[in-house]
N, C-alpha and C. Protein backbone atom coordinates (compact mmCIF):
# COMPACT_ATOMS: atom_id res chain seq x y z
N MET A 1 -10.34 44.25 -15.92
CA MET A 1 -9.77 43.76 -14.69
C MET A 1 -8.32 44.25 -14.61
N GLN A 2 -7.94 44.73 -13.44
CA GLN A 2 -6.59 45.24 -13.22
C GLN A 2 -5.60 44.09 -13.07
N VAL A 3 -4.33 44.42 -13.30
CA VAL A 3 -3.28 43.41 -13.20
C VAL A 3 -3.20 42.88 -11.77
N GLY A 4 -3.28 43.75 -10.78
CA GLY A 4 -3.23 43.33 -9.38
C GLY A 4 -4.40 42.44 -9.03
N GLN A 5 -5.58 42.74 -9.56
CA GLN A 5 -6.75 41.92 -9.29
C GLN A 5 -6.61 40.54 -9.93
N MET A 6 -6.03 40.49 -11.12
CA MET A 6 -5.84 39.20 -11.79
C MET A 6 -4.85 38.34 -11.00
N ARG A 7 -3.81 38.99 -10.49
CA ARG A 7 -2.82 38.25 -9.70
C ARG A 7 -3.47 37.73 -8.42
N ASP A 8 -4.27 38.57 -7.76
CA ASP A 8 -4.97 38.14 -6.55
C ASP A 8 -5.93 36.99 -6.85
N LEU A 9 -6.58 37.06 -7.99
CA LEU A 9 -7.50 35.99 -8.39
C LEU A 9 -6.74 34.68 -8.61
N ALA A 10 -5.58 34.77 -9.26
CA ALA A 10 -4.77 33.57 -9.50
C ALA A 10 -4.28 32.97 -8.18
N VAL A 11 -3.85 33.84 -7.25
CA VAL A 11 -3.40 33.35 -5.94
C VAL A 11 -4.56 32.70 -5.20
N PHE A 12 -5.73 33.33 -5.26
CA PHE A 12 -6.91 32.78 -4.59
C PHE A 12 -7.30 31.43 -5.18
N GLN A 13 -7.25 31.32 -6.51
CA GLN A 13 -7.60 30.04 -7.14
C GLN A 13 -6.60 28.96 -6.75
N GLN A 14 -5.31 29.30 -6.69
CA GLN A 14 -4.29 28.33 -6.28
C GLN A 14 -4.51 27.92 -4.82
N ALA A 15 -4.86 28.89 -3.98
CA ALA A 15 -5.12 28.58 -2.57
C ALA A 15 -6.32 27.65 -2.43
N LEU A 16 -7.35 27.89 -3.22
CA LEU A 16 -8.52 27.00 -3.19
C LEU A 16 -8.16 25.60 -3.65
N HIS A 17 -7.33 25.51 -4.68
CA HIS A 17 -6.90 24.20 -5.18
C HIS A 17 -6.11 23.46 -4.10
N LEU A 18 -5.18 24.15 -3.44
CA LEU A 18 -4.39 23.51 -2.39
C LEU A 18 -5.26 23.12 -1.20
N LEU A 19 -6.25 23.92 -0.89
CA LEU A 19 -7.18 23.58 0.18
C LEU A 19 -7.97 22.32 -0.16
N ALA A 20 -8.37 22.19 -1.42
CA ALA A 20 -9.08 20.99 -1.85
C ALA A 20 -8.18 19.76 -1.75
N VAL A 21 -6.90 19.91 -2.09
CA VAL A 21 -5.95 18.80 -1.98
C VAL A 21 -5.78 18.39 -0.51
N VAL A 22 -5.66 19.38 0.36
CA VAL A 22 -5.53 19.09 1.80
C VAL A 22 -6.77 18.36 2.30
N GLU A 23 -7.94 18.81 1.89
CA GLU A 23 -9.18 18.15 2.31
C GLU A 23 -9.26 16.72 1.79
N ASP A 24 -8.87 16.50 0.55
CA ASP A 24 -8.88 15.14 -0.02
C ASP A 24 -7.93 14.23 0.76
N ASN A 25 -6.73 14.75 1.06
CA ASN A 25 -5.77 13.94 1.81
C ASN A 25 -6.29 13.61 3.20
N ARG A 26 -6.93 14.58 3.84
CA ARG A 26 -7.50 14.34 5.16
C ARG A 26 -8.59 13.28 5.11
N ASN A 27 -9.45 13.38 4.11
CA ASN A 27 -10.52 12.38 3.97
C ASN A 27 -9.96 10.99 3.73
N GLU A 28 -8.89 10.89 2.95
CA GLU A 28 -8.25 9.58 2.73
C GLU A 28 -7.68 9.04 4.03
N ARG A 29 -7.06 9.90 4.84
CA ARG A 29 -6.53 9.45 6.13
C ARG A 29 -7.65 8.98 7.05
N LEU A 30 -8.75 9.71 7.06
CA LEU A 30 -9.88 9.31 7.90
C LEU A 30 -10.47 7.99 7.44
N ASP A 31 -10.53 7.78 6.12
CA ASP A 31 -11.04 6.52 5.60
C ASP A 31 -10.13 5.36 5.96
N SER A 32 -8.82 5.59 5.94
CA SER A 32 -7.90 4.50 6.23
C SER A 32 -7.73 4.26 7.72
N ALA A 33 -8.20 5.18 8.56
CA ALA A 33 -8.03 5.03 10.00
C ALA A 33 -8.97 4.00 10.61
N ASP A 34 -10.05 3.65 9.94
CA ASP A 34 -11.01 2.74 10.54
C ASP A 34 -10.70 1.28 10.28
N GLY A 35 -9.68 0.96 9.60
CA GLY A 35 -9.30 -0.43 9.34
C GLY A 35 -8.59 -0.53 8.02
N SER A 36 -7.54 -1.33 7.98
CA SER A 36 -6.74 -1.35 6.77
C SER A 36 -6.85 -2.65 5.98
N VAL A 37 -7.40 -3.69 6.58
CA VAL A 37 -7.50 -4.97 5.89
C VAL A 37 -8.95 -5.15 5.43
N PRO A 38 -9.17 -5.21 4.12
CA PRO A 38 -10.55 -5.37 3.63
C PRO A 38 -11.15 -6.71 4.04
N MET A 39 -12.47 -6.74 4.10
CA MET A 39 -13.18 -7.94 4.55
C MET A 39 -12.90 -9.14 3.64
N ILE A 40 -12.79 -8.93 2.35
CA ILE A 40 -12.53 -10.06 1.44
C ILE A 40 -11.16 -10.69 1.73
N LEU A 41 -10.20 -9.86 2.12
CA LEU A 41 -8.88 -10.40 2.46
C LEU A 41 -8.95 -11.22 3.74
N TRP A 42 -9.76 -10.76 4.72
CA TRP A 42 -9.95 -11.56 5.92
C TRP A 42 -10.57 -12.91 5.59
N LEU A 43 -11.55 -12.89 4.69
CA LEU A 43 -12.21 -14.14 4.28
C LEU A 43 -11.19 -15.09 3.66
N VAL A 44 -10.34 -14.57 2.80
CA VAL A 44 -9.32 -15.41 2.15
C VAL A 44 -8.32 -15.94 3.19
N LEU A 45 -7.91 -15.08 4.13
CA LEU A 45 -6.96 -15.52 5.15
C LEU A 45 -7.54 -16.62 6.03
N ILE A 46 -8.77 -16.46 6.47
CA ILE A 46 -9.39 -17.46 7.34
C ILE A 46 -9.67 -18.75 6.57
N ALA A 47 -10.18 -18.64 5.34
CA ALA A 47 -10.43 -19.84 4.53
C ALA A 47 -9.13 -20.58 4.25
N GLY A 48 -8.08 -19.84 3.95
CA GLY A 48 -6.77 -20.47 3.73
C GLY A 48 -6.26 -21.18 4.97
N ALA A 49 -6.49 -20.57 6.13
CA ALA A 49 -6.07 -21.21 7.38
C ALA A 49 -6.82 -22.51 7.62
N VAL A 50 -8.13 -22.50 7.40
CA VAL A 50 -8.94 -23.71 7.61
C VAL A 50 -8.52 -24.81 6.64
N ILE A 51 -8.34 -24.45 5.38
CA ILE A 51 -7.93 -25.44 4.38
C ILE A 51 -6.56 -26.01 4.71
N THR A 52 -5.63 -25.12 5.10
CA THR A 52 -4.28 -25.58 5.42
C THR A 52 -4.27 -26.49 6.64
N LEU A 53 -5.08 -26.15 7.64
CA LEU A 53 -5.12 -27.02 8.82
C LEU A 53 -5.85 -28.32 8.54
N GLY A 54 -6.75 -28.36 7.59
CA GLY A 54 -7.43 -29.61 7.24
C GLY A 54 -6.59 -30.50 6.34
N TYR A 55 -5.60 -29.92 5.69
CA TYR A 55 -4.78 -30.66 4.74
C TYR A 55 -4.05 -31.86 5.36
N PRO A 56 -3.45 -31.77 6.55
CA PRO A 56 -2.75 -32.95 7.10
C PRO A 56 -3.68 -34.14 7.37
N ALA A 57 -4.97 -33.90 7.49
CA ALA A 57 -5.90 -35.01 7.74
C ALA A 57 -5.94 -35.97 6.55
N PHE A 58 -5.60 -35.48 5.36
CA PHE A 58 -5.61 -36.34 4.18
C PHE A 58 -4.42 -37.28 4.13
N PHE A 59 -3.38 -37.00 4.91
CA PHE A 59 -2.23 -37.89 4.89
C PHE A 59 -2.53 -39.20 5.60
N GLY A 60 -3.32 -39.16 6.65
CA GLY A 60 -3.73 -40.37 7.35
C GLY A 60 -2.58 -41.23 7.81
N THR A 61 -1.58 -40.64 8.44
CA THR A 61 -0.43 -41.42 8.89
C THR A 61 -0.82 -42.31 10.07
N MET A 62 -0.11 -43.38 10.23
CA MET A 62 -0.36 -44.29 11.34
C MET A 62 0.25 -43.73 12.63
N ASN A 63 1.23 -42.86 12.49
CA ASN A 63 1.89 -42.29 13.64
C ASN A 63 1.13 -41.03 14.06
N VAL A 64 0.40 -41.10 15.15
CA VAL A 64 -0.43 -39.99 15.63
C VAL A 64 0.45 -38.82 16.07
N VAL A 65 1.60 -39.10 16.62
CA VAL A 65 2.51 -38.04 17.07
C VAL A 65 2.97 -37.21 15.86
N ALA A 66 3.33 -37.87 14.78
CA ALA A 66 3.76 -37.15 13.57
C ALA A 66 2.61 -36.33 13.00
N GLN A 67 1.43 -36.89 12.99
CA GLN A 67 0.25 -36.17 12.49
C GLN A 67 -0.02 -34.93 13.33
N THR A 68 0.05 -35.09 14.65
CA THR A 68 -0.19 -33.96 15.55
C THR A 68 0.89 -32.90 15.41
N LEU A 69 2.13 -33.35 15.27
CA LEU A 69 3.24 -32.40 15.11
C LEU A 69 3.11 -31.62 13.80
N MET A 70 2.71 -32.30 12.73
CA MET A 70 2.52 -31.64 11.44
C MET A 70 1.41 -30.59 11.52
N THR A 71 0.30 -30.96 12.13
CA THR A 71 -0.83 -30.04 12.25
C THR A 71 -0.49 -28.88 13.18
N ALA A 72 0.21 -29.13 14.26
CA ALA A 72 0.60 -28.06 15.19
C ALA A 72 1.58 -27.09 14.53
N THR A 73 2.49 -27.61 13.72
CA THR A 73 3.44 -26.75 13.01
C THR A 73 2.71 -25.84 12.03
N LEU A 74 1.77 -26.39 11.30
CA LEU A 74 0.99 -25.57 10.36
C LEU A 74 0.15 -24.54 11.10
N ALA A 75 -0.41 -24.93 12.25
CA ALA A 75 -1.21 -23.98 13.04
C ALA A 75 -0.34 -22.84 13.55
N ALA A 76 0.87 -23.14 13.97
CA ALA A 76 1.79 -22.10 14.43
C ALA A 76 2.17 -21.17 13.29
N LEU A 77 2.39 -21.72 12.11
CA LEU A 77 2.72 -20.90 10.94
C LEU A 77 1.56 -19.97 10.58
N ILE A 78 0.36 -20.48 10.64
CA ILE A 78 -0.81 -19.66 10.34
C ILE A 78 -0.98 -18.57 11.38
N ALA A 79 -0.74 -18.91 12.65
CA ALA A 79 -0.83 -17.89 13.71
C ALA A 79 0.20 -16.80 13.50
N LEU A 80 1.40 -17.18 13.08
CA LEU A 80 2.45 -16.18 12.81
C LEU A 80 2.07 -15.26 11.65
N ILE A 81 1.23 -15.73 10.76
CA ILE A 81 0.78 -14.90 9.64
C ILE A 81 -0.41 -14.03 10.04
N LEU A 82 -1.35 -14.59 10.79
CA LEU A 82 -2.57 -13.87 11.13
C LEU A 82 -2.39 -12.83 12.24
N VAL A 83 -1.51 -13.08 13.18
CA VAL A 83 -1.34 -12.14 14.29
C VAL A 83 -0.88 -10.77 13.81
N PRO A 84 0.13 -10.66 12.94
CA PRO A 84 0.48 -9.31 12.45
C PRO A 84 -0.66 -8.66 11.65
N ALA A 85 -1.41 -9.45 10.92
CA ALA A 85 -2.54 -8.88 10.17
C ALA A 85 -3.58 -8.32 11.13
N ILE A 86 -3.82 -9.00 12.23
CA ILE A 86 -4.77 -8.51 13.22
C ILE A 86 -4.24 -7.26 13.90
N LEU A 87 -2.96 -7.27 14.28
CA LEU A 87 -2.37 -6.12 14.96
C LEU A 87 -2.32 -4.88 14.07
N LEU A 88 -2.10 -5.08 12.79
CA LEU A 88 -1.97 -3.94 11.87
C LEU A 88 -3.30 -3.54 11.23
N ASP A 89 -4.38 -4.21 11.61
CA ASP A 89 -5.68 -3.89 11.01
C ASP A 89 -6.11 -2.47 11.35
N PHE A 90 -5.82 -2.02 12.55
CA PHE A 90 -6.15 -0.65 12.95
C PHE A 90 -4.84 0.07 13.26
N PRO A 91 -4.30 0.81 12.30
CA PRO A 91 -2.95 1.37 12.45
C PRO A 91 -2.82 2.47 13.50
N PHE A 92 -3.92 3.07 13.94
CA PHE A 92 -3.81 4.18 14.88
C PHE A 92 -4.25 3.82 16.29
N THR A 93 -4.57 2.54 16.53
CA THR A 93 -4.97 2.08 17.86
C THR A 93 -4.35 0.72 18.11
N GLY A 94 -4.39 0.27 19.34
CA GLY A 94 -3.94 -1.07 19.67
C GLY A 94 -2.48 -1.12 20.10
N LEU A 95 -1.91 -2.32 20.04
CA LEU A 95 -0.54 -2.52 20.49
C LEU A 95 0.49 -1.91 19.55
N VAL A 96 0.24 -1.99 18.25
CA VAL A 96 1.15 -1.43 17.26
C VAL A 96 0.48 -0.19 16.70
N VAL A 97 1.01 0.99 17.05
CA VAL A 97 0.38 2.24 16.64
C VAL A 97 1.36 3.12 15.88
N LEU A 98 0.81 3.94 15.01
CA LEU A 98 1.59 4.97 14.37
C LEU A 98 1.59 6.18 15.28
N SER A 99 2.75 6.71 15.58
CA SER A 99 2.80 7.85 16.49
C SER A 99 2.76 9.16 15.71
N SER A 100 2.51 10.21 16.44
CA SER A 100 2.48 11.53 15.82
C SER A 100 3.83 12.22 15.90
N ALA A 101 4.87 11.53 16.38
CA ALA A 101 6.19 12.13 16.55
C ALA A 101 6.76 12.70 15.24
N PRO A 102 6.71 11.98 14.12
CA PRO A 102 7.24 12.58 12.88
C PRO A 102 6.46 13.83 12.46
N PHE A 103 5.16 13.82 12.67
CA PHE A 103 4.35 14.99 12.32
C PHE A 103 4.71 16.17 13.24
N ASP A 104 4.87 15.89 14.53
CA ASP A 104 5.25 16.94 15.47
C ASP A 104 6.62 17.51 15.13
N GLU A 105 7.55 16.64 14.72
CA GLU A 105 8.87 17.11 14.33
C GLU A 105 8.81 17.99 13.08
N ALA A 106 7.97 17.61 12.14
CA ALA A 106 7.80 18.43 10.93
C ALA A 106 7.19 19.79 11.28
N LEU A 107 6.26 19.81 12.23
CA LEU A 107 5.67 21.08 12.65
C LEU A 107 6.71 21.98 13.30
N GLN A 108 7.65 21.38 14.04
CA GLN A 108 8.70 22.18 14.69
C GLN A 108 9.64 22.81 13.67
N GLN A 109 9.77 22.20 12.49
CA GLN A 109 10.67 22.70 11.46
C GLN A 109 10.04 23.76 10.57
N LEU A 110 8.75 24.04 10.77
CA LEU A 110 8.08 25.07 9.98
C LEU A 110 8.65 26.44 10.31
N PRO A 111 8.66 27.33 9.33
CA PRO A 111 9.08 28.71 9.63
C PRO A 111 8.14 29.33 10.66
N PRO A 112 8.64 30.26 11.47
CA PRO A 112 7.83 30.83 12.56
C PRO A 112 6.53 31.47 12.08
N HIS A 113 6.53 32.08 10.90
CA HIS A 113 5.31 32.76 10.47
C HIS A 113 4.22 31.77 10.05
N LEU A 114 4.56 30.50 9.84
CA LEU A 114 3.56 29.49 9.51
C LEU A 114 3.06 28.72 10.72
N GLN A 115 3.78 28.83 11.82
CA GLN A 115 3.37 28.13 13.03
C GLN A 115 2.29 28.93 13.73
N GLU A 116 1.26 28.26 14.15
CA GLU A 116 0.22 28.95 14.89
C GLU A 116 0.38 28.59 16.36
N PRO A 117 0.03 29.51 17.24
CA PRO A 117 0.20 29.21 18.66
C PRO A 117 -0.72 28.07 19.08
N PRO A 118 -0.33 27.33 20.11
CA PRO A 118 -1.19 26.23 20.58
C PRO A 118 -2.53 26.78 21.05
N PRO A 119 -3.59 26.01 20.88
CA PRO A 119 -4.92 26.49 21.31
C PRO A 119 -4.95 26.67 22.82
N GLN A 120 -5.60 27.73 23.24
CA GLN A 120 -5.74 28.02 24.66
C GLN A 120 -6.92 27.26 25.23
N SER A 121 -6.75 26.73 26.40
CA SER A 121 -7.82 26.01 27.07
C SER A 121 -8.85 27.02 27.58
N PRO A 122 -10.15 26.72 27.42
CA PRO A 122 -11.17 27.66 27.91
C PRO A 122 -11.22 27.69 29.44
N PHE A 123 -10.62 26.69 30.08
CA PHE A 123 -10.62 26.62 31.54
C PHE A 123 -9.22 26.90 32.06
N PRO A 124 -9.07 27.84 32.97
CA PRO A 124 -7.71 28.15 33.48
C PRO A 124 -7.16 27.10 34.37
């Protein structure tokens, strides 16, 4: 095998390795795009909310206003915890989204020989 061929082989092997890394990273992004909060964590969050809201019933105070205020305060606290979890469950859709602006900015900083022209529309 010639020296030039060995060098080409090494470059090709490195390119294949980097391509595999890119593919792995893409697959991880696709896996994480369909939801970020595992089902077991949802189960724990909902069970914790139910238990926490049932807890004031054990106090059995004679003052109904105080009991209601205690339960309402705990319900508000649980809502403040669950709402961000719901909003962030799908990071690429919904009210709170990750934008492509940082990626677009990184693409703009690429050297010209690495930038590819935008795809042409098949319809004029």
